[in-house]
Amino acid sequence: MTTTAPLLVISDDIAAEFAHPSLTVMRFGAWRDRIGAFGDRPVIQDMIVLGLCLSPEAEAAFLADAALADLAQAAQLPRKTLSVDASREALLAAALDFLADRDVATRQQGAADRAALAELRRSHMQMQTDHAELESWVWDAMAPKFTRVREWPATARTLDLPGPDTPLIQPLPVPARGFIAVDVHLATSAPCAGAIHFLLARPSGPDFEGTAASQDIRASESGWTRLILPRAPGGFPEDAVLKLWWQGAEAPQLSLAPDSPFVDVNVTAGGVPGSAPLALNIYQTLPRQPGPPLHDPRRALPADGHTRLVLPGDLSPPKALPYSRNPVKKALKRYPDFTRVEFWEKENAVFVHPSIHRPVVALVPGLTVDALVQIEAIIRVFRDKTLPISFAIGAVPSGTVASVEEALPHLGDWMQLLPAEWGEAWCGLATPLSGPIDLLLATAMPNMPVNREADALFCGFRLTTRASEAQG
C-alpha cells in the first residue's frame, strides 16, 4: 500500500467509525499485516503514520510484540490510549493532537535544518576564503609568475609602428588562455614621447574582454619594451592576434624577427602580410591571474612605498666574486670544493653553488632604484638529495664591492633551507639606496661534510621603496 495522506491507525476493538478526506484511516490488524519485513525485522514501507489510537487491551498486546514495539519506537510513532467506546469526536480530537504535535516537530526540524544549512554555508564560505588566501600565498611565494614560452630574436629589418587607424596585426603562436605579457623591440630611439597601445583579439569575431592596455614610451627610449595585460584571459585555449599601434607625434620602429616559412605567424601591416613576424618575447601565466607590476631595470623604481617583483631574467648576468683582493696565497683565494655562479634560463633563476669552506657570493649588476629600504629574495633548494643550504642577500651602490670579504658586511640575516624547500631571505637597509646598485647573493653550507648536488637558486627579488618626503 502506498499513500501520501497521513495514516491514522485505530485498534480493532474501538467500535466508532471515523473518516476524513485528508486522512487515511486503517484498523490496527490491517496495518500490522501490511508492515513489510527486512530479513526477520519489520519495516514501515511507503506509509506516513500520523499516530496510533489503541484501547488498553490493544496497547498491551502491542507492547508485548517486542519487534513491533521497537519498530514504533525507532520510527517515533505517537500513541494515544482510548476506551473501546470512544466516540468519533474523541478519534477526531486525537487526530488533531497528532497533527498539532507533528506540526510543532516539523517546525522545530525545519529550524534545525536551516541552522545546519547556515552553518554549512558559513563553513563553505570560510573554506573558499581559506583556499583563496592559500592560493594567493602560494602564488606570491612560488615566483616567478611569468613563463617565457616563445622568443623571436631581433634582426636589422624594421617596421614602422602605425597609428590607431591601421594597427599592426601580429598572430600569436600561443593561445590566448594564460597570455599575460609580450616584449617588443624598439629598433630606433623614439623620436618623442608617446604610448604603445595593444589589444588581444580573435582572428575573427569580438576582441577578448579586458585585454586592452598601453605602455608609455619616453623620448629617446629604445630596446626591448614589455607590454603587460591587466589580467590573463581564461576560457578555452583560442587562437589570438596582437594589435599594436602608436599614440603620439612621431612613431618609433619595431624590429622584425628572421623570415618565417610559416605565413600564419607573420605580421600584417596595412592589410598586407609580411614575410616575418615581429621580434617578440611572449610570456604566459595561470589563466585569470592579474599581471603583477614587473619592473623594467632600465628605469628607477618610484619611491612610492610599494614593493615590486624583479625576476632574474630582467637583470644583468651574475658573476662570482673572488674571495679576497688582498695579497694572500692563491690557495686562500680559491675554493677547495666545487662552486659555480650562473643564470639558469629555464628556471629563470640565479644559481649560486655553495661551498662548505667559505661563503660564495654572486654579484648581480644593472639595477637602478630610488629610496630602496628592503630586499627580499625568493630562494629554493632545487634538489631533494642534498644537505641544508644557507642563503643571504644584500645590496650596495654599484661598483663598491669587489670581493667576498667586502660583501659579507652588507648581507642580511642568513636563512637555512632543507632539501627541496622554498623560502625567503631578507635584508633591511639602514640607509636607503638610490641610483645604480649591485645585488649580493650569498650561499654557504657550514659544518656540512660535502656540497654535492647543492643547487641553490635565487628565483626572484622583491624590492621595497620608501615614499619620498615630497609625497608625504
Protein backbone atom coordinates (compact mmCIF):
# COMPACT_ATOMS: atom_id res chain seq x y z
CA MET A 1 0.00 0.00 0.00
CA THR A 2 1.34 3.40 -0.98
CA THR A 3 -0.33 6.54 0.32
CA THR A 4 0.64 10.20 0.55
CA ALA A 5 -2.10 11.10 3.06
CA PRO A 6 -1.26 10.75 6.79
CA LEU A 7 -2.35 7.37 8.15
CA LEU A 8 -4.32 7.12 11.42
CA VAL A 9 -4.27 3.61 12.91
CA ILE A 10 -7.20 2.63 15.17
CA SER A 11 -7.31 -0.56 17.20
CA ASP A 12 -9.82 -3.17 16.06
CA ASP A 13 -11.85 -3.14 19.29
CA ILE A 14 -12.79 0.54 19.09
CA ALA A 15 -16.26 0.46 17.59
CA ALA A 16 -16.56 4.07 16.41
CA GLU A 17 -16.15 4.69 12.72
CA PHE A 18 -14.05 7.60 11.62
CA ALA A 19 -13.29 9.04 8.21
CA HIS A 20 -11.78 12.26 6.94
CA PRO A 21 -10.90 13.38 3.37
CA SER A 22 -7.35 14.42 4.41
CA LEU A 23 -6.61 11.25 6.38
CA THR A 24 -6.33 7.57 5.65
CA VAL A 25 -7.90 5.52 8.49
CA MET A 26 -6.86 1.90 8.97
CA ARG A 27 -7.54 -0.71 11.60
CA PHE A 28 -4.60 -1.93 13.63
CA GLY A 29 -4.79 -5.51 12.38
CA ALA A 30 -4.83 -4.49 8.74
CA TRP A 31 -1.95 -2.08 9.34
CA ARG A 32 0.16 -4.75 11.05
CA ASP A 33 -0.46 -7.13 8.14
CA ARG A 34 0.81 -4.51 5.68
CA ILE A 35 4.08 -3.91 7.50
CA GLY A 36 6.92 -5.25 5.40
CA ALA A 37 9.93 -7.20 6.57
CA PHE A 38 13.67 -6.84 6.11
CA GLY A 39 15.03 -10.23 7.00
CA ASP A 40 13.50 -11.02 10.38
CA ARG A 41 12.84 -7.37 11.22
CA PRO A 42 9.62 -5.44 10.39
CA VAL A 43 9.90 -2.18 8.43
CA ILE A 44 7.36 0.51 7.54
CA GLN A 45 7.22 0.98 3.80
CA ASP A 46 5.54 3.80 1.84
CA MET A 47 3.38 4.97 4.75
CA ILE A 48 3.26 8.25 6.66
CA VAL A 49 1.86 7.16 10.02
CA LEU A 50 0.23 10.03 11.89
CA GLY A 51 -0.32 8.06 15.08
CA LEU A 52 -1.88 5.04 16.80
CA CYS A 53 -5.21 5.17 18.71
CA LEU A 54 -5.27 1.99 20.82
CA SER A 55 -7.52 0.61 23.52
CA PRO A 56 -5.82 -0.53 26.77
CA GLU A 57 -6.06 -4.18 25.71
CA ALA A 58 -4.70 -3.44 22.21
CA GLU A 59 -1.86 -1.38 23.64
CA ALA A 60 -0.86 -4.19 25.98
CA ALA A 61 -0.78 -6.59 23.03
CA PHE A 62 1.19 -4.04 21.01
CA LEU A 63 3.83 -3.67 23.73
CA ALA A 64 4.01 -7.45 24.10
CA ASP A 65 5.13 -7.69 20.47
CA ALA A 66 8.77 -6.67 21.03
CA ALA A 67 9.68 -6.35 17.32
CA LEU A 68 6.64 -4.18 16.58
CA ALA A 69 7.19 -2.01 19.68
CA ASP A 70 10.86 -1.46 18.78
CA LEU A 71 9.81 -0.50 15.26
CA ALA A 72 7.30 2.06 16.57
CA GLN A 73 9.88 3.50 18.95
CA ALA A 74 12.50 3.75 16.22
CA ALA A 75 10.00 5.43 13.88
CA GLN A 76 8.86 7.72 16.71
CA LEU A 77 5.19 6.81 16.19
CA PRO A 78 2.96 8.65 18.73
CA ARG A 79 0.19 6.73 20.57
CA LYS A 80 -2.96 7.59 22.43
CA THR A 81 -4.93 5.29 24.71
CA LEU A 82 -8.72 5.44 24.17
CA SER A 83 -11.52 3.37 25.60
CA VAL A 84 -13.25 0.84 23.40
CA ASP A 85 -16.42 3.00 23.43
CA ALA A 86 -14.58 6.15 22.35
CA SER A 87 -16.70 8.35 20.12
CA ARG A 88 -15.96 9.69 16.67
CA GLU A 89 -15.28 13.09 18.26
CA ALA A 90 -12.64 11.54 20.52
CA LEU A 91 -10.92 10.00 17.49
CA LEU A 92 -11.04 13.35 15.70
CA ALA A 93 -9.55 15.10 18.75
CA ALA A 94 -6.74 12.51 18.89
CA ALA A 95 -6.03 13.01 15.20
CA LEU A 96 -5.95 16.79 15.74
CA ASP A 97 -3.48 16.36 18.62
CA PHE A 98 -1.28 14.17 16.41
CA LEU A 99 -1.35 16.81 13.66
CA ALA A 100 -0.54 19.61 16.10
CA ASP A 101 2.39 17.64 17.54
CA ARG A 102 3.65 16.81 14.05
CA ASP A 103 3.39 20.49 13.02
CA VAL A 104 5.47 21.55 16.04
CA ALA A 105 8.04 18.82 15.35
CA THR A 106 8.18 19.80 11.66
CA ARG A 107 8.75 23.45 12.51
CA GLN A 108 11.47 22.55 15.00
CA GLN A 109 13.13 20.26 12.49
CA GLY A 110 12.89 22.99 9.84
CA ALA A 111 14.59 25.46 12.15
CA ALA A 112 17.32 22.92 12.92
CA ASP A 113 17.78 22.21 9.21
CA ARG A 114 18.05 25.92 8.42
CA ALA A 115 20.62 26.36 11.18
CA ALA A 116 22.57 23.38 9.86
CA LEU A 117 22.43 24.76 6.30
CA ALA A 118 23.57 28.18 7.52
CA GLU A 119 26.50 26.56 9.32
CA LEU A 120 27.29 24.52 6.21
CA ARG A 121 27.22 27.68 4.08
CA ARG A 122 29.42 29.51 6.57
CA SER A 123 31.89 26.62 6.59
CA HIS A 124 31.83 26.51 2.79
CA MET A 125 32.46 30.26 2.51
CA GLN A 126 35.25 30.00 5.06
CA MET A 127 36.77 27.13 3.12
CA GLN A 128 36.61 29.20 -0.08
CA THR A 129 38.22 32.15 1.70
CA ASP A 130 40.96 29.93 3.13
CA HIS A 131 41.53 28.40 -0.29
CA ALA A 132 41.77 31.84 -1.93
CA GLU A 133 44.23 33.01 0.74
CA LEU A 134 46.30 29.85 0.35
CA GLU A 135 46.25 30.21 -3.42
CA SER A 136 47.32 33.85 -3.15
CA TRP A 137 50.10 32.95 -0.72
CA VAL A 138 51.39 30.15 -2.96
CA TRP A 139 51.09 32.43 -5.98
CA ASP A 140 53.25 35.08 -4.29
CA ALA A 141 55.74 32.66 -2.74
CA MET A 142 56.30 30.38 -5.71
CA ALA A 143 57.52 33.07 -8.08
CA PRO A 144 58.39 33.59 -10.91
CA LYS A 145 54.90 34.34 -12.07
CA PHE A 146 55.77 34.56 -15.75
CA THR A 147 56.97 31.80 -18.05
CA ARG A 148 58.61 32.78 -21.32
CA VAL A 149 57.11 30.46 -23.89
CA ARG A 150 58.35 31.97 -27.20
CA GLU A 151 61.41 34.01 -28.15
CA TRP A 152 61.96 35.50 -31.60
CA PRO A 153 65.25 37.46 -31.83
CA ALA A 154 65.55 40.90 -33.40
CA THR A 155 67.18 41.46 -36.79
CA ALA A 156 68.28 44.61 -38.63
CA ARG A 157 64.96 44.76 -40.51
CA THR A 158 62.39 47.16 -39.08
CA LEU A 159 58.75 48.10 -39.46
CA ASP A 160 57.08 51.44 -38.71
CA LEU A 161 54.60 51.39 -35.85
CA PRO A 162 51.40 52.85 -37.34
CA GLY A 163 48.59 54.84 -35.78
CA PRO A 164 45.27 53.56 -34.44
CA ASP A 165 43.56 53.53 -37.87
CA THR A 166 45.80 50.78 -39.29
CA PRO A 167 47.30 48.81 -36.37
CA LEU A 168 49.89 46.08 -36.80
CA ILE A 169 48.36 42.62 -36.50
CA GLN A 170 50.73 40.01 -35.11
CA PRO A 171 49.34 36.45 -34.83
CA LEU A 172 50.46 34.77 -31.64
CA PRO A 173 51.97 31.26 -31.68
CA VAL A 174 50.37 30.60 -28.27
CA PRO A 175 46.70 30.50 -27.23
CA ALA A 176 45.01 33.49 -25.60
CA ARG A 177 44.38 31.46 -22.43
CA GLY A 178 47.07 32.45 -19.95
CA PHE A 179 48.74 35.05 -22.22
CA ILE A 180 49.93 37.89 -19.96
CA ALA A 181 52.83 39.86 -21.50
CA VAL A 182 54.94 40.38 -24.61
CA ASP A 183 58.26 42.14 -25.25
CA VAL A 184 58.58 44.16 -28.46
CA HIS A 185 61.89 45.61 -29.66
CA LEU A 186 62.18 49.33 -30.42
CA ALA A 187 64.70 49.29 -33.25
CA THR A 188 65.33 53.03 -33.16
CA SER A 189 65.10 55.55 -30.38
CA ALA A 190 61.62 57.00 -30.02
CA PRO A 191 61.70 60.50 -31.62
CA CYS A 192 59.33 61.81 -28.97
CA ALA A 193 57.30 60.61 -26.01
CA GLY A 194 54.16 58.62 -26.68
CA ALA A 195 52.49 55.33 -25.92
CA ILE A 196 52.23 51.90 -27.48
CA HIS A 197 48.65 50.65 -27.33
CA PHE A 198 47.92 46.96 -27.73
CA LEU A 199 44.93 44.67 -27.72
CA LEU A 200 44.43 40.91 -27.69
CA ALA A 201 41.86 39.98 -30.33
CA ARG A 202 40.39 36.96 -32.02
CA PRO A 203 41.36 36.36 -35.67
CA SER A 204 37.62 36.68 -36.40
CA GLY A 205 34.91 37.72 -34.00
CA PRO A 206 34.89 40.05 -30.99
CA ASP A 207 38.02 41.08 -29.13
CA PHE A 208 38.89 39.37 -25.87
CA GLU A 209 37.29 41.26 -23.00
CA GLY A 210 39.57 43.26 -20.71
CA THR A 211 42.75 42.78 -22.78
CA ALA A 212 43.44 46.35 -23.90
CA ALA A 213 46.39 48.18 -22.34
CA SER A 214 49.16 50.63 -23.15
CA GLN A 215 52.77 51.34 -22.25
CA ASP A 216 54.22 54.86 -22.05
CA ILE A 217 57.41 55.38 -24.03
CA ARG A 218 59.86 58.16 -23.21
CA ALA A 219 61.68 60.15 -25.85
CA SER A 220 64.97 58.55 -26.98
CA GLU A 221 63.98 55.19 -25.47
CA SER A 222 64.92 52.03 -27.40
CA GLY A 223 65.41 48.30 -26.95
CA TRP A 224 63.08 45.70 -25.50
CA THR A 225 59.85 47.04 -24.03
CA ARG A 226 57.42 44.91 -22.05
CA LEU A 227 53.67 45.18 -22.63
CA ILE A 228 51.60 43.61 -19.83
CA LEU A 229 47.87 42.87 -19.85
CA PRO A 230 45.82 43.72 -16.76
CA ARG A 231 44.72 40.09 -16.41
CA ALA A 232 45.43 36.84 -18.25
CA PRO A 233 42.41 35.57 -20.23
CA GLY A 234 40.73 32.36 -19.16
CA GLY A 235 38.28 30.19 -21.07
CA PHE A 236 39.22 27.85 -23.86
CA PRO A 237 42.69 27.98 -25.49
CA GLU A 238 41.61 30.02 -28.53
CA ASP A 239 43.84 31.45 -31.25
CA ALA A 240 44.65 35.14 -30.83
CA VAL A 241 46.31 38.06 -32.60
CA LEU A 242 48.03 41.07 -31.07
CA LYS A 243 47.05 44.51 -32.39
CA LEU A 244 49.60 47.29 -31.82
CA TRP A 245 49.53 50.99 -32.64
CA TRP A 246 51.24 54.23 -31.64
CA GLN A 247 49.70 57.23 -29.94
CA GLY A 248 51.92 60.28 -30.33
CA ALA A 249 53.56 62.63 -32.79
CA GLU A 250 56.35 60.57 -34.35
CA ALA A 251 56.28 56.79 -34.11
CA PRO A 252 59.32 54.57 -33.48
CA GLN A 253 60.21 51.48 -35.48
CA LEU A 254 59.86 47.88 -34.31
CA SER A 255 62.40 45.18 -35.12
CA LEU A 256 61.40 42.16 -37.18
CA ALA A 257 62.41 38.57 -36.45
CA PRO A 258 64.03 36.36 -39.10
CA ASP A 259 61.87 35.35 -42.07
CA SER A 260 59.43 32.57 -41.26
CA PRO A 261 58.26 29.83 -43.64
CA PHE A 262 55.01 29.73 -41.66
CA VAL A 263 52.91 32.58 -43.02
CA ASP A 264 50.38 32.14 -40.21
CA VAL A 265 52.74 33.87 -37.74
CA ASN A 266 53.93 36.74 -39.96
CA VAL A 267 52.94 40.30 -39.06
CA THR A 268 50.38 42.15 -41.16
CA ALA A 269 50.88 45.90 -41.78
CA GLY A 270 48.28 47.96 -43.62
CA GLY A 271 46.40 44.82 -44.58
CA VAL A 272 49.46 43.35 -46.32
CA PRO A 273 51.03 40.21 -44.77
CA GLY A 274 54.79 40.38 -44.31
CA SER A 275 57.49 37.75 -44.64
CA ALA A 276 58.47 37.71 -40.97
CA PRO A 277 56.91 38.16 -37.53
CA LEU A 278 57.85 40.88 -35.09
CA ALA A 279 60.75 40.27 -32.72
CA LEU A 280 58.92 39.09 -29.60
CA ASN A 281 59.31 37.50 -26.21
CA ILE A 282 55.96 36.01 -25.20
CA TYR A 283 55.01 35.22 -21.58
CA GLN A 284 52.22 33.14 -20.10
CA THR A 285 50.85 32.66 -16.60
CA LEU A 286 47.90 30.98 -14.93
CA PRO A 287 44.54 31.88 -16.53
CA ARG A 288 42.54 34.73 -14.97
CA GLN A 289 45.52 35.87 -12.88
CA PRO A 290 46.38 39.61 -12.75
CA GLY A 291 49.60 40.81 -14.28
CA PRO A 292 52.00 41.81 -11.45
CA PRO A 293 53.99 45.03 -11.84
CA LEU A 294 57.21 43.74 -13.40
CA HIS A 295 59.99 46.28 -13.16
CA ASP A 296 61.97 47.40 -16.20
CA PRO A 297 65.56 47.52 -14.85
CA ARG A 298 66.39 50.46 -17.14
CA ARG A 299 64.11 52.70 -15.07
CA ALA A 300 64.40 53.65 -11.42
CA LEU A 301 61.77 52.29 -9.06
CA PRO A 302 59.50 55.13 -7.93
CA ALA A 303 59.78 55.96 -4.23
CA ASP A 304 56.11 55.33 -3.51
CA GLY A 305 56.46 52.94 -0.61
CA HIS A 306 55.49 49.94 -2.75
CA THR A 307 57.06 46.52 -3.15
CA ARG A 308 57.76 45.29 -6.66
CA LEU A 309 58.91 41.97 -8.06
CA VAL A 310 62.05 41.75 -10.18
CA LEU A 311 62.90 38.47 -11.90
CA PRO A 312 66.47 37.31 -12.53
CA GLY A 313 65.86 37.27 -16.29
CA ASP A 314 65.38 41.05 -16.23
CA LEU A 315 68.79 41.69 -14.69
CA SER A 316 72.35 41.55 -15.98
CA PRO A 317 74.19 38.19 -15.82
CA PRO A 318 75.62 37.35 -12.37
CA LYS A 319 79.31 36.95 -11.67
CA ALA A 320 81.16 35.26 -8.82
CA LEU A 321 83.19 37.47 -6.50
CA PRO A 322 86.73 36.36 -5.65
CA TYR A 323 87.35 35.53 -2.02
CA SER A 324 89.98 38.20 -1.35
CA ARG A 325 91.69 41.10 -3.10
CA ASN A 326 94.49 41.24 -0.57
CA PRO A 327 97.97 39.85 -1.40
CA VAL A 328 97.44 36.43 0.15
CA LYS A 329 98.28 32.97 -1.05
CA LYS A 330 96.44 31.80 -4.13
CA ALA A 331 95.20 28.78 -2.19
CA LEU A 332 93.17 31.11 0.06
CA LYS A 333 91.56 32.80 -2.91
CA ARG A 334 90.32 29.51 -4.34
CA TYR A 335 87.62 27.23 -3.00
CA PRO A 336 88.83 23.68 -2.22
CA ASP A 337 85.48 22.27 -3.39
CA PHE A 338 83.27 22.88 -6.43
CA THR A 339 81.45 26.24 -6.75
CA ARG A 340 79.69 27.96 -9.63
CA VAL A 341 77.61 31.09 -10.36
CA GLU A 342 75.39 31.29 -13.44
CA PHE A 343 71.93 32.21 -14.72
CA TRP A 344 69.53 29.30 -15.32
CA GLU A 345 67.33 30.46 -18.17
CA LYS A 346 64.92 27.52 -17.97
CA GLU A 347 64.19 28.21 -14.28
CA ASN A 348 64.62 32.00 -14.64
CA ALA A 349 66.84 31.88 -11.55
CA VAL A 350 70.38 32.68 -10.43
CA PHE A 351 72.34 29.56 -9.44
CA VAL A 352 74.93 30.07 -6.68
CA HIS A 353 76.57 26.75 -5.78
CA PRO A 354 77.72 26.94 -2.14
CA SER A 355 80.95 25.80 -0.54
CA ILE A 356 81.43 24.04 2.79
CA HIS A 357 84.57 26.13 3.49
CA ARG A 358 83.64 29.79 2.87
CA PRO A 359 80.55 31.71 1.67
CA VAL A 360 80.08 32.06 -2.07
CA VAL A 361 78.81 35.49 -3.18
CA ALA A 362 77.41 36.36 -6.60
CA LEU A 363 77.19 39.98 -7.74
CA VAL A 364 74.28 40.97 -9.99
CA PRO A 365 74.68 44.46 -11.53
CA GLY A 366 72.39 46.55 -13.71
CA LEU A 367 69.57 47.61 -11.37
CA THR A 368 68.56 51.22 -10.65
CA VAL A 369 66.42 52.11 -7.63
CA ASP A 370 65.10 55.13 -5.78
CA ALA A 371 64.95 55.09 -1.95
CA LEU A 372 65.36 51.31 -1.61
CA VAL A 373 64.89 50.24 2.01
CA GLN A 374 64.36 46.47 1.94
CA ILE A 375 65.15 43.48 -0.27
CA GLU A 376 63.57 40.04 -0.19
CA ALA A 377 64.90 37.09 -2.17
CA ILE A 378 62.70 34.14 -3.09
CA ILE A 379 65.06 31.19 -2.60
CA ARG A 380 64.93 27.49 -3.34
CA VAL A 381 66.97 24.34 -2.87
CA PHE A 382 66.43 22.71 -6.24
CA ARG A 383 67.24 19.09 -5.37
CA ASP A 384 65.87 16.77 -2.70
CA LYS A 385 69.03 14.64 -2.41
CA THR A 386 71.42 17.12 -0.86
CA LEU A 387 72.14 18.81 2.52
CA PRO A 388 70.77 22.02 4.10
CA ILE A 389 71.94 25.26 2.45
CA SER A 390 72.14 28.76 3.93
CA PHE A 391 71.16 31.85 1.91
CA ALA A 392 71.64 35.60 2.38
CA ILE A 393 71.06 38.72 0.27
CA GLY A 394 72.32 42.28 0.30
CA ALA A 395 72.73 45.39 -1.86
CA VAL A 396 75.42 48.02 -2.29
CA PRO A 397 75.95 51.01 -4.58
CA SER A 398 77.23 49.84 -7.92
CA GLY A 399 80.96 49.18 -8.09
CA THR A 400 81.71 49.42 -4.34
CA VAL A 401 82.23 45.71 -3.67
CA ALA A 402 84.77 43.53 -5.47
CA SER A 403 85.37 40.54 -3.15
CA VAL A 404 83.56 38.17 -0.81
CA GLU A 405 85.24 39.75 2.22
CA GLU A 406 83.93 43.18 1.24
CA ALA A 407 80.44 41.83 0.52
CA LEU A 408 79.84 39.95 3.80
CA PRO A 409 79.18 43.06 5.98
CA HIS A 410 76.42 44.15 3.60
CA LEU A 411 74.41 40.91 3.79
CA GLY A 412 71.23 40.41 5.79
CA ASP A 413 70.49 37.53 8.13
CA TRP A 414 71.29 34.03 6.91
CA MET A 415 68.33 31.74 6.16
CA GLN A 416 68.77 27.95 6.04
CA LEU A 417 66.59 25.72 3.82
CA LEU A 418 66.20 21.97 3.81
CA PRO A 419 66.46 19.93 0.59
CA ALA A 420 63.73 20.76 -1.99
CA GLU A 421 62.42 23.58 0.23
CA TRP A 422 61.32 27.12 -0.74
CA GLY A 423 61.86 30.16 1.46
CA GLU A 424 62.71 33.85 1.71
CA ALA A 425 65.85 35.76 2.66
CA TRP A 426 65.62 39.37 3.83
CA CYS A 427 67.88 42.38 4.10
CA GLY A 428 66.84 45.71 5.60
CA LEU A 429 68.95 48.71 4.63
CA ALA A 430 69.78 51.19 7.38
CA THR A 431 70.31 53.92 4.78
CA PRO A 432 68.05 53.98 1.69
CA LEU A 433 69.86 53.40 -1.59
CA SER A 434 69.20 55.37 -4.76
CA GLY A 435 70.73 55.08 -8.19
CA PRO A 436 72.57 52.08 -9.70
CA ILE A 437 73.09 49.21 -7.27
CA ASP A 438 74.57 45.70 -7.22
CA LEU A 439 72.70 42.81 -5.64
CA LEU A 440 74.75 40.43 -3.49
CA LEU A 441 73.54 36.81 -3.47
CA ALA A 442 75.32 34.57 -0.96
CA THR A 443 75.15 30.84 -0.16
CA ALA A 444 77.04 28.61 2.25
CA MET A 445 77.00 25.10 3.73
CA PRO A 446 78.71 25.50 7.11
CA ASN A 447 79.55 22.33 9.05
CA MET A 448 78.40 20.11 6.17
CA PRO A 449 80.59 17.19 5.04
CA VAL A 450 80.10 17.68 1.27
CA ASN A 451 78.47 20.15 -1.12
CA ARG A 452 77.41 17.71 -3.84
CA GLU A 453 74.11 18.34 -5.67
CA ALA A 454 73.80 21.67 -3.82
CA ASP A 455 71.70 23.57 -6.37
CA ALA A 456 70.86 26.83 -4.59
CA LEU A 457 68.57 29.12 -6.61
CA PHE A 458 67.51 32.76 -6.24
CA CYS A 459 64.17 32.80 -8.08
CA GLY A 460 63.06 36.40 -7.66
CA PHE A 461 63.55 39.62 -5.74
CA ARG A 462 61.06 41.93 -4.07
CA LEU A 463 62.35 45.49 -3.72
CA THR A 464 60.59 47.79 -1.25
CA THR A 465 60.95 51.52 -1.70
CA ARG A 466 60.15 54.29 0.77
CA ALA A 467 57.72 57.07 -0.10
CA SER A 468 59.55 60.34 -0.68
CA GLU A 469 59.13 63.30 1.64
CA ALA A 470 57.51 65.26 -1.17
CA GLN A 471 54.81 62.63 -1.37
CA GLY A 472 54.25 62.74 2.40
